Amino acid sequence: MDYMKTLASLSLGSRLKRLSDVLVSEVAIVYEQMGLTLNPNYFLLLNLINKMGPMGITQAAEYLAVSHPAVSKIANKMIHEGYLSKQPHPTDKRASQLSLTQQSLDLMRQASPVWQTLKKHLDYLESLQQTPLLDAIEQFENNLRQFNLSENVLLELKKSTQDVHIEHWKSDYKNDFKRLNMDWLNSEFNGQLTDKDKQSIDTPESYYLAQGGYIFFAKQTDLVVGCIALKPINNDCYEVSKMAVSSELQGKGVGRLLLLTALNKARDLNIKKISLETNSKLLRAMTLYQHFGFTQMEHPKGKSDYPRADVYMELPLYV
């Protein structure tokens, strides 16, 4: 089974990267067998400078339509390995330019028949496509430039959460608190509950609120779509727990809004540190926590009271 295929267009970037890796690996095998000590990733810059002459990194980035840092990174490697030299620009003292070394010129003469043969066989592979691959890639690149993928995706995501607002605990939301948390416990951990789970979910008033804690809810129109709890551990530390978001809104910023609300409340209370426990397989949650600055560390009690929790994290609020 090829899992990437099941993701369809969502795996496009990864599939192109995988295809690139396979092609680079095949070319590397040919190089090795033909005695060429050349990194396949150096091909573009070598050929560009060989054809166009010495140039700066900015100019090379423009010709190749890639970022300046990407060209700079590979150029530095090639300089270190003796394929390129960096010299002052002949007319602009503030700039420098890249030139091929004699090592590169000798290697390119040796590699020329190899590249010609590679091109012949790659052209043959492309000819087997119903739609020429390079034409399809160019068309997709043009569409991508015109479409502005990131802007459109972010615009839609913002629209999907623009009517989401945060509310404090209300007894009317008690069943929603249990429903939201049981949803992820059932889907991820077969509904396994510890005694602490049962206390916090069944009696949140006494478990959280009576102890000086807080529970916040995300609402979209009349629906409760998310929740998060904040519970004091000691005078300096509060714990974030029982964060849950309806499945249809996961990945759309609701969890981020809930976590930000809880952290802002902790800052208002002059709390020095926030802790949490989670499971490493909950990748979306792990990414969110790390983005906010939570750091994974050893559990202060040695191990968690929750068998499912294999990650303990902390976030200092005031240093």
Protein backbone atom coordinates (compact mmCIF):
# COMPACT_ATOMS: atom_id res chain seq x y z
CA MET A 1 0.00 0.00 0.00
CA ASP A 2 1.27 3.45 -0.92
CA TYR A 3 -0.20 5.68 1.78
CA MET A 4 0.80 8.86 -0.05
CA LYS A 5 -1.59 7.96 -2.87
CA THR A 6 -4.51 7.83 -0.46
CA LEU A 7 -3.87 11.48 0.42
CA ALA A 8 -4.31 12.53 -3.22
CA SER A 9 -3.44 16.21 -3.80
CA LEU A 10 -2.45 16.73 -0.15
CA SER A 11 0.64 14.60 -0.78
CA LEU A 12 1.62 16.38 -4.01
CA GLY A 13 4.65 18.12 -2.53
CA SER A 14 5.78 14.95 -0.77
CA ARG A 15 5.32 12.84 -3.91
CA LEU A 16 7.32 15.31 -5.98
CA LYS A 17 10.02 15.27 -3.30
CA ARG A 18 9.97 11.46 -3.32
CA LEU A 19 10.24 11.43 -7.12
CA SER A 20 13.13 13.88 -6.91
CA ASP A 21 14.88 11.73 -4.30
CA VAL A 22 14.52 8.62 -6.50
CA LEU A 23 15.89 10.45 -9.55
CA VAL A 24 18.82 11.88 -7.58
CA SER A 25 19.55 8.42 -6.17
CA GLU A 26 19.54 6.87 -9.66
CA VAL A 27 21.84 9.58 -11.02
CA ALA A 28 24.17 9.14 -8.03
CA ILE A 29 24.49 5.43 -8.86
CA VAL A 30 25.44 6.28 -12.45
CA TYR A 31 27.98 8.85 -11.25
CA GLU A 32 29.56 6.40 -8.84
CA GLN A 33 29.83 3.64 -11.42
CA MET A 34 31.32 6.04 -13.97
CA GLY A 35 33.86 7.39 -11.50
CA LEU A 36 32.31 10.85 -11.16
CA THR A 37 32.74 12.31 -7.67
CA LEU A 38 29.91 14.78 -8.07
CA ASN A 39 26.86 15.53 -5.96
CA PRO A 40 23.84 15.42 -8.34
CA ASN A 41 22.46 18.50 -6.60
CA TYR A 42 25.37 20.56 -7.99
CA PHE A 43 24.29 20.00 -11.62
CA LEU A 44 22.10 23.08 -12.06
CA LEU A 45 24.54 25.65 -10.70
CA LEU A 46 27.49 24.10 -12.53
CA ASN A 47 25.70 24.18 -15.86
CA LEU A 48 24.26 27.64 -15.32
CA ILE A 49 27.65 29.23 -14.62
CA ASN A 50 29.28 27.21 -17.42
CA LYS A 51 26.73 28.56 -19.91
CA MET A 52 26.18 32.11 -18.62
CA GLY A 53 29.59 32.85 -17.14
CA PRO A 54 30.55 34.11 -13.65
CA MET A 55 27.66 35.57 -11.68
CA GLY A 56 26.55 36.52 -8.20
CA ILE A 57 24.28 34.47 -5.98
CA THR A 58 21.37 36.86 -6.48
CA GLN A 59 21.64 36.59 -10.25
CA ALA A 60 21.90 32.79 -10.06
CA ALA A 61 18.81 32.65 -7.85
CA GLU A 62 16.90 34.71 -10.42
CA TYR A 63 17.95 32.48 -13.31
CA LEU A 64 17.02 29.31 -11.43
CA ALA A 65 13.84 30.84 -9.92
CA VAL A 66 14.74 29.64 -6.43
CA SER A 67 15.46 31.47 -3.20
CA HIS A 68 18.68 33.33 -2.49
CA PRO A 69 19.35 31.27 0.70
CA ALA A 70 18.95 28.00 -1.27
CA VAL A 71 21.55 29.05 -3.85
CA SER A 72 23.84 30.46 -1.16
CA LYS A 73 23.74 27.21 0.80
CA ILE A 74 24.65 24.99 -2.14
CA ALA A 75 27.23 27.49 -3.44
CA ASN A 76 29.03 27.47 -0.10
CA LYS A 77 29.21 23.67 -0.22
CA MET A 78 30.58 23.77 -3.76
CA ILE A 79 33.18 26.38 -2.80
CA HIS A 80 34.24 24.21 0.15
CA GLU A 81 34.59 21.17 -2.13
CA GLY A 82 36.55 23.08 -4.78
CA TYR A 83 33.93 23.27 -7.53
CA LEU A 84 33.42 27.04 -7.32
CA SER A 85 35.50 30.04 -6.41
CA LYS A 86 34.23 33.38 -5.15
CA GLN A 87 35.93 36.45 -6.58
CA PRO A 88 35.34 40.22 -6.39
CA HIS A 89 33.02 41.57 -9.05
CA PRO A 90 35.07 43.35 -11.75
CA THR A 91 32.94 46.51 -11.70
CA ASP A 92 31.13 46.47 -8.35
CA LYS A 93 33.49 46.37 -5.36
CA ARG A 94 30.59 45.65 -2.99
CA ALA A 95 29.67 42.42 -4.76
CA SER A 96 31.30 39.09 -5.50
CA GLN A 97 30.67 36.48 -8.15
CA LEU A 98 30.95 32.74 -8.52
CA SER A 99 33.22 31.13 -11.08
CA LEU A 100 33.95 27.55 -12.08
CA THR A 101 37.28 26.14 -10.95
CA GLN A 102 39.57 24.01 -13.11
CA GLN A 103 38.32 21.04 -11.07
CA SER A 104 34.78 21.75 -12.30
CA LEU A 105 35.83 22.24 -15.91
CA ASP A 106 37.71 18.93 -15.92
CA LEU A 107 34.79 17.15 -14.28
CA MET A 108 32.24 18.59 -16.71
CA ARG A 109 34.22 17.31 -19.69
CA GLN A 110 34.23 13.88 -18.06
CA ALA A 111 30.53 14.10 -17.21
CA SER A 112 29.32 15.35 -20.60
CA PRO A 113 28.73 11.91 -22.21
CA VAL A 114 27.07 10.73 -18.99
CA TRP A 115 24.64 13.66 -19.04
CA GLN A 116 23.85 13.09 -22.71
CA THR A 117 23.00 9.45 -22.03
CA LEU A 118 20.96 10.33 -18.97
CA LYS A 119 18.99 12.90 -21.00
CA LYS A 120 18.31 10.33 -23.72
CA HIS A 121 16.78 7.87 -21.26
CA LEU A 122 14.89 10.52 -19.27
CA ASP A 123 13.43 11.83 -22.53
CA TYR A 124 12.31 8.28 -23.30
CA LEU A 125 10.64 7.94 -19.91
CA GLU A 126 8.83 11.24 -20.40
CA SER A 127 7.67 10.13 -23.86
CA LEU A 128 5.80 7.27 -22.21
CA GLN A 129 3.59 9.76 -20.35
CA GLN A 130 0.16 10.52 -21.82
CA THR A 131 0.77 14.10 -20.75
CA PRO A 132 4.46 15.11 -20.89
CA LEU A 133 5.60 15.40 -17.28
CA LEU A 134 7.64 18.55 -17.76
CA ASP A 135 4.73 20.28 -19.51
CA ALA A 136 2.41 19.24 -16.70
CA ILE A 137 4.84 20.53 -14.07
CA GLU A 138 5.24 23.85 -15.89
CA GLN A 139 1.49 24.25 -16.17
CA PHE A 140 1.06 23.46 -12.47
CA GLU A 141 3.82 25.92 -11.53
CA ASN A 142 2.12 28.66 -13.57
CA ASN A 143 -1.24 27.89 -11.99
CA LEU A 144 0.33 27.89 -8.53
CA ARG A 145 1.94 31.31 -9.08
CA GLN A 146 -1.35 32.80 -10.25
CA PHE A 147 -3.52 31.09 -7.66
CA ASN A 148 -1.55 32.11 -4.52
CA LEU A 149 -2.18 28.91 -2.59
CA SER A 150 -1.20 30.12 0.88
CA GLU A 151 -3.36 33.26 0.66
CA ASN A 152 -6.44 31.34 -0.45
CA VAL A 153 -6.02 28.59 2.13
CA LEU A 154 -5.50 31.06 4.97
CA LEU A 155 -8.46 33.14 3.80
CA GLU A 156 -10.76 30.11 3.87
CA LEU A 157 -9.44 28.97 7.26
CA LYS A 158 -10.02 32.42 8.72
CA LYS A 159 -13.55 32.44 7.35
CA SER A 160 -14.24 29.07 8.96
CA THR A 161 -13.26 30.38 12.40
CA GLN A 162 -14.24 34.05 12.20
CA ASP A 163 -17.51 33.41 14.04
CA VAL A 164 -15.84 31.31 16.77
CA HIS A 165 -15.73 33.04 20.14
CA ILE A 166 -14.57 32.03 23.61
CA GLU A 167 -16.85 31.75 26.62
CA HIS A 168 -16.27 30.94 30.28
CA TRP A 169 -17.78 28.00 32.12
CA LYS A 170 -21.53 27.66 32.23
CA SER A 171 -23.35 24.72 33.73
CA ASP A 172 -25.19 24.40 30.40
CA TYR A 173 -21.87 23.39 28.82
CA LYS A 174 -21.11 20.51 31.21
CA ASN A 175 -22.38 17.85 28.80
CA ASP A 176 -20.42 19.45 25.97
CA PHE A 177 -17.24 19.27 28.05
CA LYS A 178 -17.74 15.53 28.49
CA ARG A 179 -18.80 14.98 24.87
CA LEU A 180 -15.79 16.75 23.38
CA ASN A 181 -13.31 14.96 25.60
CA MET A 182 -14.88 11.54 25.19
CA ASP A 183 -14.72 12.01 21.41
CA TRP A 184 -10.91 12.13 21.35
CA LEU A 185 -10.51 9.58 24.13
CA ASN A 186 -12.66 7.15 22.17
CA SER A 187 -11.02 7.80 18.80
CA GLU A 188 -7.41 7.82 20.00
CA PHE A 189 -7.37 5.65 23.13
CA ASN A 190 -10.42 3.36 22.88
CA GLY A 191 -12.24 5.31 25.57
CA GLN A 192 -9.81 4.28 28.32
CA LEU A 193 -10.42 6.37 31.44
CA THR A 194 -8.39 6.74 34.60
CA ASP A 195 -9.95 7.76 37.89
CA LYS A 196 -8.66 11.30 37.31
CA ASP A 197 -10.30 11.32 33.87
CA LYS A 198 -13.62 10.34 35.39
CA GLN A 199 -13.36 13.01 38.09
CA SER A 200 -12.41 15.78 35.68
CA ILE A 201 -14.99 14.89 33.03
CA ASP A 202 -17.91 13.94 35.27
CA THR A 203 -17.43 16.59 37.95
CA PRO A 204 -15.50 19.49 36.40
CA GLU A 205 -16.97 21.94 38.90
CA SER A 206 -15.21 20.32 41.86
CA TYR A 207 -12.14 19.11 39.96
CA TYR A 208 -11.31 22.43 38.30
CA LEU A 209 -13.42 25.37 39.38
CA ALA A 210 -13.53 24.68 43.13
CA GLN A 211 -9.73 24.32 43.10
CA GLY A 212 -9.24 27.76 41.57
CA GLY A 213 -9.13 26.56 37.99
CA TYR A 214 -10.90 27.66 34.82
CA ILE A 215 -12.68 26.06 31.89
CA PHE A 216 -13.08 27.85 28.57
CA PHE A 217 -15.29 26.93 25.64
CA ALA A 218 -15.14 27.74 21.93
CA LYS A 219 -18.55 28.39 20.41
CA GLN A 220 -19.52 28.71 16.78
CA THR A 221 -22.99 30.25 16.53
CA ASP A 222 -24.96 28.05 18.96
CA LEU A 223 -22.61 25.06 18.97
CA VAL A 224 -19.86 24.34 21.50
CA VAL A 225 -16.96 23.20 19.31
CA GLY A 226 -14.02 23.18 21.71
CA CYS A 227 -12.88 23.34 25.31
CA ILE A 228 -9.81 23.65 27.49
CA ALA A 229 -9.20 23.50 31.25
CA LEU A 230 -6.68 25.28 33.46
CA LYS A 231 -5.94 23.80 36.90
CA PRO A 232 -3.58 25.01 39.63
CA ILE A 233 -0.77 22.62 40.57
CA ASN A 234 0.87 24.97 43.06
CA ASN A 235 1.21 28.73 43.56
CA ASP A 236 3.58 29.09 40.61
CA CYS A 237 2.31 26.46 38.17
CA TYR A 238 -0.97 25.75 36.42
CA GLU A 239 -1.71 22.73 34.23
CA VAL A 240 -3.45 22.87 30.85
CA SER A 241 -5.59 19.82 30.24
CA LYS A 242 -8.66 18.42 28.52
CA MET A 243 -8.23 20.49 25.38
CA ALA A 244 -10.59 19.17 22.72
CA VAL A 245 -11.92 20.44 19.39
CA SER A 246 -14.74 19.05 17.26
CA SER A 247 -13.30 16.89 14.49
CA GLU A 248 -14.71 19.03 11.69
CA LEU A 249 -12.88 22.12 13.00
CA GLN A 250 -9.54 20.53 13.86
CA GLY A 251 -6.61 22.19 12.14
CA LYS A 252 -8.54 25.42 11.63
CA GLY A 253 -7.20 27.50 14.51
CA VAL A 254 -9.73 26.69 17.24
CA GLY A 255 -7.20 24.84 19.39
CA ARG A 256 -4.76 27.72 19.01
CA LEU A 257 -7.46 30.17 20.14
CA LEU A 258 -8.31 28.04 23.18
CA LEU A 259 -4.69 27.59 24.21
CA LEU A 260 -3.97 31.30 23.80
CA THR A 261 -6.97 32.09 26.00
CA ALA A 262 -5.71 29.76 28.74
CA LEU A 263 -2.16 31.17 28.58
CA ASN A 264 -3.40 34.75 28.69
CA LYS A 265 -5.47 33.92 31.77
CA ALA A 266 -2.41 32.39 33.43
CA ARG A 267 -0.41 35.54 32.67
CA ASP A 268 -3.17 37.68 34.16
CA LEU A 269 -2.82 35.59 37.32
CA ASN A 270 0.99 36.12 37.31
CA ILE A 271 1.56 32.37 37.02
CA LYS A 272 5.21 31.58 36.33
CA LYS A 273 4.85 28.26 34.55
CA ILE A 274 2.34 26.14 32.60
CA SER A 275 2.62 22.38 32.35
CA LEU A 276 0.78 19.77 30.34
CA GLU A 277 0.81 16.06 29.58
CA THR A 278 0.05 14.53 26.20
CA ASN A 279 0.82 11.63 23.92
CA SER A 280 3.47 11.74 21.20
CA LYS A 281 1.11 10.30 18.60
CA LEU A 282 -1.13 13.37 18.84
CA LEU A 283 0.97 15.17 16.25
CA ARG A 284 -1.32 18.16 15.72
CA ALA A 285 -1.40 18.89 19.44
CA MET A 286 2.37 18.38 19.78
CA THR A 287 3.02 20.84 16.95
CA LEU A 288 0.72 23.41 18.52
CA TYR A 289 2.40 23.15 21.93
CA GLN A 290 5.88 23.41 20.43
CA HIS A 291 4.83 26.46 18.40
CA PHE A 292 3.78 28.20 21.62
CA GLY A 293 7.17 27.41 23.16
CA PHE A 294 6.40 24.38 25.32
CA THR A 295 9.48 22.24 25.91
CA GLN A 296 9.48 18.51 26.51
CA MET A 297 11.22 17.46 29.73
CA GLU A 298 11.33 14.77 32.39
CA HIS A 299 8.15 14.33 34.40
CA PRO A 300 8.60 15.85 37.88
CA LYS A 301 7.01 12.76 39.46
CA GLY A 302 8.97 10.33 37.34
CA LYS A 303 5.92 9.17 35.42
CA SER A 304 2.42 10.35 34.65
CA ASP A 305 -0.78 9.34 36.41
CA TYR A 306 -2.18 8.80 32.92
CA PRO A 307 -0.86 5.60 31.23
CA ARG A 308 -1.48 7.16 27.80
CA ALA A 309 0.66 10.23 28.55
CA ASP A 310 4.24 9.71 27.38
CA VAL A 311 5.13 13.39 27.02
CA TYR A 312 5.47 16.05 29.73
CA MET A 313 5.98 19.68 28.67
CA GLU A 314 6.44 23.03 30.37
CA LEU A 315 6.24 26.66 29.32
CA PRO A 316 7.76 29.40 31.52
CA LEU A 317 5.61 32.53 31.44
CA TYR A 318 7.82 34.88 33.44
CA VAL A 319 11.60 34.59 33.51
